[in-house]
Amino acid sequence: MEDGRLLLAIEDALWVLDPARSGAPWRWLMLPDADPEARFNDGKCDPQGRFWVGTMRYDTANGGGRLYRLDTDGSIEPMLDKVTISNGLAWSADGRTMFYVDTPTRRIDAFDFSPDGALHNRRVAVDLADEEGSPDGMTIDDQDHLWVAMWGGSAILRCRPASATQAGQVVERIAMPVRQPTSCTFGGTQFADLFVTSAADGLAPDMPGPQGALLRLRVDAKGRAARRFAGRP
């Protein structure tokens, strides 16, 4: 958050943790329509400092999740229904386009994004149906190229989203030493390092490679600083 505290999405509630203190996190907000069979999955702040976070059912039932928008005044509004595994989010540099992943669709979608947080004109930004694995967490670089972790695909893909004249395209494929990369973000002093999370869930204990590790790699691109939540719980 802007004041240095951390906003945590834990199961069906939003919690606040102050890393400068030794106390435990405290629960701030519950979802108004919390489903006991669902949990939060991935979230990110928009250019105006609102927090967007999605849900999925524990059994990954089709259409069992939602995407929510947490406004800076603490109000929560559902923005997308019938989501299956709500995942990666990103915004273009001009703030006019939001990109979004619902993992089983095997694609990255784009929306026209309004400063008031409204979404319009959903469309396919990048079709990933022919790629190995499924799209998971995502970030964006300073050229508005999308970087998406491919769960089960041992790769991070750099993608150019569709425009009025061109279809979306994978422009770079980075092989990873882990089977299940889960998300990625830029960091470091020049935002030239890509940090990648991974998961070991369901993999054989003796599978080679640093399964489940946090990885860092230098890439031929630079990212932008992540937005912070502008509310004050």
Protein backbone atom coordinates (compact mmCIF):
# COMPACT_ATOMS: atom_id res chain seq x y z
CA MET A 1 0.00 0.00 0.00
CA GLU A 2 1.10 3.63 -0.32
CA ASP A 3 1.91 3.78 3.40
CA GLY A 4 4.20 0.73 3.24
CA ARG A 5 1.82 -1.78 4.76
CA LEU A 6 0.84 -4.91 2.83
CA LEU A 7 -2.64 -5.74 1.58
CA LEU A 8 -3.18 -9.52 1.62
CA ALA A 9 -5.92 -11.51 -0.08
CA ILE A 10 -6.37 -14.62 2.09
CA GLU A 11 -9.15 -17.06 1.14
CA ASP A 12 -12.30 -14.88 1.28
CA ALA A 13 -11.03 -11.85 3.21
CA LEU A 14 -8.64 -8.92 2.79
CA TRP A 15 -6.07 -8.54 5.53
CA VAL A 16 -3.50 -5.87 6.40
CA LEU A 17 0.05 -6.52 7.61
CA ASP A 18 2.60 -3.96 8.76
CA PRO A 19 6.06 -5.43 8.03
CA ALA A 20 7.66 -2.76 10.22
CA ARG A 21 5.96 -4.27 13.26
CA SER A 22 5.99 -7.77 14.66
CA GLY A 23 2.24 -8.10 15.07
CA ALA A 24 0.04 -10.52 13.17
CA PRO A 25 -2.03 -9.39 10.16
CA TRP A 26 -5.55 -8.19 10.91
CA ARG A 27 -8.68 -8.84 8.91
CA TRP A 28 -10.06 -5.75 7.21
CA LEU A 29 -12.82 -6.74 4.78
CA MET A 30 -14.82 -9.84 3.92
CA LEU A 31 -16.27 -10.42 0.48
CA PRO A 32 -19.94 -9.41 0.57
CA ASP A 33 -20.95 -12.60 -1.28
CA ALA A 34 -18.22 -14.94 -0.03
CA ASP A 35 -18.47 -18.52 -1.32
CA PRO A 36 -17.05 -20.98 1.25
CA GLU A 37 -15.98 -23.22 -1.63
CA ALA A 38 -13.92 -20.47 -3.30
CA ARG A 39 -10.73 -18.52 -2.55
CA PHE A 40 -8.82 -15.50 -3.81
CA ASN A 41 -6.19 -16.21 -6.45
CA ASP A 42 -4.44 -13.24 -8.10
CA GLY A 43 -4.66 -9.47 -7.77
CA LYS A 44 -3.08 -6.17 -8.78
CA CYS A 45 -3.62 -2.42 -8.44
CA ASP A 46 -4.88 -0.31 -11.34
CA PRO A 47 -3.44 3.12 -12.33
CA GLN A 48 -5.83 4.87 -9.93
CA GLY A 49 -4.71 2.78 -6.95
CA ARG A 50 -7.73 0.46 -6.73
CA PHE A 51 -7.10 -3.22 -6.01
CA TRP A 52 -8.47 -5.84 -8.44
CA VAL A 53 -8.57 -9.41 -7.22
CA GLY A 54 -10.18 -12.58 -8.54
CA THR A 55 -11.45 -15.83 -7.09
CA MET A 56 -11.67 -19.48 -8.06
CA ARG A 57 -13.36 -22.50 -6.56
CA TYR A 58 -11.17 -25.02 -4.77
CA ASP A 59 -12.49 -27.70 -7.15
CA THR A 60 -11.85 -25.34 -10.13
CA ALA A 61 -15.49 -25.71 -11.19
CA ASN A 62 -16.21 -23.96 -14.48
CA GLY A 63 -17.52 -20.41 -13.97
CA GLY A 64 -17.29 -20.61 -10.18
CA GLY A 65 -15.18 -17.48 -9.66
CA ARG A 66 -15.40 -13.71 -10.03
CA LEU A 67 -13.20 -10.68 -10.52
CA TYR A 68 -13.67 -7.91 -7.93
CA ARG A 69 -12.61 -4.27 -7.69
CA LEU A 70 -11.74 -2.87 -4.27
CA ASP A 71 -12.11 0.91 -4.33
CA THR A 72 -10.01 3.19 -2.14
CA ASP A 73 -12.99 3.87 0.15
CA GLY A 74 -13.20 0.16 1.04
CA SER A 75 -16.18 -0.71 -1.15
CA ILE A 76 -15.99 -3.96 -3.13
CA GLU A 77 -17.73 -4.43 -6.46
CA PRO A 78 -17.90 -7.59 -8.61
CA MET A 79 -16.76 -6.75 -12.14
CA LEU A 80 -16.77 -10.10 -13.95
CA ASP A 81 -18.90 -13.17 -13.27
CA LYS A 82 -18.52 -16.80 -14.38
CA VAL A 83 -14.74 -16.78 -14.17
CA THR A 84 -13.08 -20.16 -13.65
CA ILE A 85 -9.50 -19.44 -12.51
CA SER A 86 -9.04 -15.67 -12.21
CA ASN A 87 -5.40 -14.91 -12.84
CA GLY A 88 -2.98 -12.36 -14.33
CA LEU A 89 -3.78 -8.64 -14.61
CA ALA A 90 -1.95 -5.75 -16.28
CA TRP A 91 -2.63 -2.23 -17.57
CA SER A 92 -1.17 -0.44 -20.57
CA ALA A 93 1.11 2.55 -20.00
CA ASP A 94 -1.64 5.00 -20.96
CA GLY A 95 -4.07 3.33 -18.57
CA ARG A 96 -6.70 2.85 -21.27
CA THR A 97 -6.46 -0.95 -21.62
CA MET A 98 -6.69 -3.69 -19.00
CA PHE A 99 -5.37 -7.17 -19.77
CA TYR A 100 -6.73 -10.23 -17.99
CA VAL A 101 -6.24 -14.00 -17.79
CA ASP A 102 -8.90 -16.57 -16.98
CA THR A 103 -6.58 -19.58 -17.16
CA PRO A 104 -8.78 -22.27 -18.82
CA THR A 105 -9.60 -19.95 -21.74
CA ARG A 106 -5.93 -20.33 -22.86
CA ARG A 107 -5.77 -16.67 -23.85
CA ILE A 108 -5.12 -13.14 -22.63
CA ASP A 109 -8.12 -10.82 -22.99
CA ALA A 110 -8.17 -7.03 -23.27
CA PHE A 111 -10.77 -4.50 -22.12
CA ASP A 112 -11.19 -0.81 -22.73
CA PHE A 113 -10.57 0.65 -19.27
CA SER A 114 -12.12 3.86 -17.94
CA PRO A 115 -10.58 6.01 -15.18
CA ASP A 116 -13.69 5.30 -13.08
CA GLY A 117 -12.87 1.57 -13.21
CA ALA A 118 -15.45 0.49 -15.78
CA LEU A 119 -14.69 -2.25 -18.33
CA HIS A 120 -15.89 -2.32 -21.94
CA ASN A 121 -15.27 -4.09 -25.23
CA ARG A 122 -13.80 -7.43 -24.14
CA ARG A 123 -11.66 -9.00 -26.86
CA VAL A 124 -8.78 -11.43 -27.37
CA ALA A 125 -5.37 -9.79 -26.93
CA VAL A 126 -3.26 -12.95 -27.38
CA ASP A 127 -4.48 -16.46 -28.25
CA LEU A 128 -2.30 -19.05 -26.46
CA ALA A 129 -4.25 -22.19 -27.36
CA ASP A 130 -1.33 -23.64 -29.33
CA GLU A 131 1.24 -23.05 -26.57
CA GLU A 132 2.33 -25.67 -24.07
CA GLY A 133 0.86 -25.09 -20.63
CA SER A 134 -1.77 -22.62 -19.45
CA PRO A 135 -1.47 -18.86 -18.81
CA ASP A 136 -1.13 -17.94 -15.14
CA GLY A 137 0.22 -14.73 -13.59
CA MET A 138 1.30 -11.84 -15.78
CA THR A 139 3.15 -8.52 -15.91
CA ILE A 140 3.82 -5.84 -18.53
CA ASP A 141 7.00 -4.09 -19.69
CA ASP A 142 7.68 -0.50 -20.70
CA GLN A 143 6.86 -1.34 -24.35
CA ASP A 144 3.41 -2.67 -23.37
CA HIS A 145 4.46 -6.24 -24.10
CA LEU A 146 2.88 -8.81 -21.81
CA TRP A 147 4.95 -11.40 -19.94
CA VAL A 148 2.92 -14.42 -18.84
CA ALA A 149 3.90 -17.49 -16.81
CA MET A 150 2.83 -20.73 -18.46
CA TRP A 151 1.75 -23.20 -15.78
CA GLY A 152 2.77 -26.69 -16.88
CA GLY A 153 4.72 -25.26 -19.81
CA SER A 154 8.12 -24.54 -18.21
CA ALA A 155 8.23 -21.13 -19.88
CA ILE A 156 7.63 -17.40 -19.66
CA LEU A 157 6.15 -15.92 -22.83
CA ARG A 158 6.63 -12.35 -23.98
CA CYS A 159 3.60 -11.34 -26.04
CA ARG A 160 2.64 -8.41 -28.23
CA PRO A 161 -1.07 -7.80 -27.71
CA ALA A 162 -3.41 -7.43 -30.67
CA SER A 163 -3.92 -4.00 -32.19
CA ALA A 164 -6.31 -2.63 -34.79
CA THR A 165 -3.99 -3.88 -37.54
CA GLN A 166 -2.20 -6.91 -36.06
CA ALA A 167 -3.18 -10.08 -34.25
CA GLY A 168 -1.60 -10.79 -30.89
CA GLN A 169 1.64 -12.72 -31.08
CA VAL A 170 4.19 -14.50 -28.89
CA VAL A 171 7.46 -12.70 -29.66
CA GLU A 172 9.77 -14.46 -27.18
CA ARG A 173 9.73 -17.75 -25.29
CA ILE A 174 12.01 -18.12 -22.26
CA ALA A 175 12.54 -21.70 -21.09
CA MET A 176 12.43 -22.08 -17.31
CA PRO A 177 14.00 -24.80 -15.12
CA VAL A 178 10.66 -25.27 -13.35
CA ARG A 179 7.58 -27.06 -14.65
CA GLN A 180 4.99 -24.76 -13.11
CA PRO A 181 5.91 -21.06 -13.20
CA THR A 182 3.05 -19.18 -11.57
CA SER A 183 3.70 -15.47 -12.03
CA CYS A 184 6.33 -12.87 -12.84
CA THR A 185 7.16 -9.25 -12.14
CA PHE A 186 9.94 -6.79 -12.92
CA GLY A 187 12.22 -5.52 -10.17
CA GLY A 188 15.72 -4.37 -9.38
CA THR A 189 17.09 -0.86 -9.52
CA GLN A 190 16.39 -0.46 -13.27
CA PHE A 191 13.41 -2.85 -13.43
CA ALA A 192 15.54 -5.04 -15.72
CA ASP A 193 15.31 -8.20 -13.61
CA LEU A 194 12.36 -10.54 -14.01
CA PHE A 195 11.34 -12.34 -10.83
CA VAL A 196 9.41 -15.58 -11.38
CA THR A 197 7.47 -17.59 -8.81
CA SER A 198 6.82 -21.30 -9.25
CA ALA A 199 4.89 -24.12 -7.60
CA ALA A 200 5.80 -27.72 -6.78
CA ASP A 201 2.21 -28.82 -6.16
CA GLY A 202 1.48 -32.21 -7.69
CA LEU A 203 5.01 -32.80 -8.93
CA ALA A 204 7.14 -35.81 -8.02
CA PRO A 205 9.45 -35.02 -5.07
CA ASP A 206 12.47 -36.17 -7.07
CA MET A 207 11.70 -34.07 -10.14
CA PRO A 208 14.91 -32.28 -11.16
CA GLY A 209 15.17 -28.52 -11.08
CA PRO A 210 14.32 -25.89 -8.45
CA GLN A 211 10.58 -26.68 -8.45
CA GLY A 212 8.68 -24.27 -6.21
CA ALA A 213 11.51 -21.73 -6.11
CA LEU A 214 11.55 -17.97 -6.60
CA LEU A 215 13.80 -17.26 -9.58
CA ARG A 216 15.47 -14.13 -10.95
CA LEU A 217 16.67 -13.64 -14.51
CA ARG A 218 17.97 -10.74 -16.58
CA VAL A 219 15.92 -10.10 -19.71
CA ASP A 220 16.18 -7.79 -22.70
CA ALA A 221 13.36 -5.54 -21.49
CA LYS A 222 12.48 -3.25 -18.64
CA GLY A 223 9.35 -3.08 -16.58
CA ARG A 224 7.54 -0.37 -14.67
CA ALA A 225 7.01 0.15 -10.96
CA ALA A 226 3.93 -1.61 -9.65
CA ARG A 227 1.03 0.56 -8.56
CA ARG A 228 0.23 0.67 -4.84
CA PHE A 229 -3.15 0.56 -3.16
CA ALA A 230 -4.25 4.15 -2.46
CA GLY A 231 -6.81 3.38 0.24
CA ARG A 232 -6.18 3.63 3.98
CA PRO A 233 -7.70 0.77 6.00
